[in-house]
Amino acid sequence: MDANSGEQWSEADISDLKNELDDGRTIAKTASFLCRDVAEVREKMKELGLVEGDGAALLNADHGCCPKLDVLAAVEDFLLAHANI
């Protein structure tokens, strides 16, 4: 578990999240920077309507997430989970 996982998100945390995504960081790198779990960062992104890359473009609120992002996220999670094998 990362140091900030499970903690409340401050305004500074949310600003850092947006800035990291705007700068083109991956969810994994952003989570590491924020000292939070990847799943927690992804959940906050969904809550805020943000996507990875492309300047943290807003999602369509009716859809919540796009299928392409879900596939990439699943691959990223798999690679992270198996990185130490």
Protein backbone atom coordinates (compact mmCIF):
# COMPACT_ATOMS: atom_id res chain seq x y z
CA MET A 1 0.00 0.00 0.00
CA ASP A 2 1.26 3.46 -0.89
CA ALA A 3 1.69 6.19 1.73
CA ASN A 4 -1.35 8.27 0.70
CA SER A 5 -3.66 5.41 -0.30
CA GLY A 6 -7.00 5.64 1.43
CA GLU A 7 -6.39 9.23 2.51
CA GLN A 8 -8.67 12.13 1.54
CA TRP A 9 -7.75 13.92 -1.70
CA SER A 10 -6.70 17.51 -1.07
CA GLU A 11 -7.08 20.30 -3.60
CA ALA A 12 -3.29 20.08 -4.10
CA ASP A 13 -3.56 16.32 -4.78
CA ILE A 14 -6.23 16.92 -7.41
CA SER A 15 -4.20 19.71 -8.96
CA ASP A 16 -1.13 17.43 -9.07
CA LEU A 17 -3.22 14.66 -10.64
CA LYS A 18 -4.43 16.98 -13.39
CA ASN A 19 -0.95 18.40 -13.97
CA GLU A 20 0.63 14.95 -14.23
CA LEU A 21 -1.96 13.87 -16.79
CA ASP A 22 -1.64 17.15 -18.68
CA ASP A 23 2.11 16.51 -18.89
CA GLY A 24 1.45 13.11 -20.47
CA ARG A 25 2.38 10.90 -17.50
CA THR A 26 0.90 7.42 -17.36
CA ILE A 27 -1.54 6.47 -14.64
CA ALA A 28 1.15 4.27 -13.09
CA LYS A 29 3.69 7.10 -12.95
CA THR A 30 1.05 9.51 -11.68
CA ALA A 31 0.04 7.07 -8.94
CA SER A 32 3.67 6.67 -7.92
CA PHE A 33 4.15 10.46 -7.83
CA LEU A 34 1.02 10.86 -5.68
CA CYS A 35 1.98 7.89 -3.44
CA ARG A 36 -1.36 6.25 -4.21
CA ASP A 37 -2.49 2.96 -5.71
CA VAL A 38 -3.15 2.83 -9.46
CA ALA A 39 -6.76 1.76 -8.85
CA GLU A 40 -7.33 4.70 -6.51
CA VAL A 41 -5.94 7.17 -9.06
CA ARG A 42 -8.07 5.63 -11.80
CA GLU A 43 -11.15 5.92 -9.57
CA LYS A 44 -10.46 9.62 -8.88
CA MET A 45 -9.90 10.22 -12.60
CA LYS A 46 -13.25 8.64 -13.37
CA GLU A 47 -14.91 10.71 -10.65
CA LEU A 48 -13.40 13.89 -12.12
CA GLY A 49 -14.07 12.90 -15.74
CA LEU A 50 -10.39 12.77 -16.71
CA VAL A 51 -8.57 10.47 -19.11
CA GLU A 52 -4.90 9.61 -19.43
CA GLY A 53 -2.98 11.66 -21.98
CA ASP A 54 -4.30 14.27 -24.40
CA GLY A 55 -4.25 17.01 -21.79
CA ALA A 56 -6.57 15.12 -19.43
CA ALA A 57 -9.48 15.64 -21.82
CA LEU A 58 -12.95 15.51 -20.35
CA LEU A 59 -14.95 12.36 -20.86
CA ASN A 60 -18.57 12.24 -21.84
CA ALA A 61 -20.24 12.19 -18.41
CA ASP A 62 -22.91 9.73 -19.64
CA HIS A 63 -20.31 7.09 -20.48
CA GLY A 64 -17.90 7.48 -17.56
CA CYS A 65 -15.03 5.88 -19.45
CA CYS A 66 -14.05 4.81 -22.91
CA PRO A 67 -13.44 1.16 -23.94
CA LYS A 68 -9.99 1.89 -25.37
CA LEU A 69 -8.88 3.41 -22.06
CA ASP A 70 -10.25 0.37 -20.20
CA VAL A 71 -8.18 -2.01 -22.34
CA LEU A 72 -5.03 0.07 -21.93
CA ALA A 73 -5.65 0.30 -18.19
CA ALA A 74 -6.06 -3.47 -17.93
CA VAL A 75 -2.79 -4.04 -19.81
CA GLU A 76 -1.02 -1.49 -17.60
CA ASP A 77 -2.36 -3.17 -14.44
CA PHE A 78 -1.24 -6.58 -15.68
CA LEU A 79 2.25 -5.33 -16.47
CA LEU A 80 2.55 -3.61 -13.11
CA ALA A 81 1.36 -6.70 -11.26
CA HIS A 82 3.88 -8.91 -13.06
CA ALA A 83 6.82 -6.52 -13.21
CA ASN A 84 8.74 -8.33 -10.46
CA ILE A 85 8.40 -11.84 -11.86
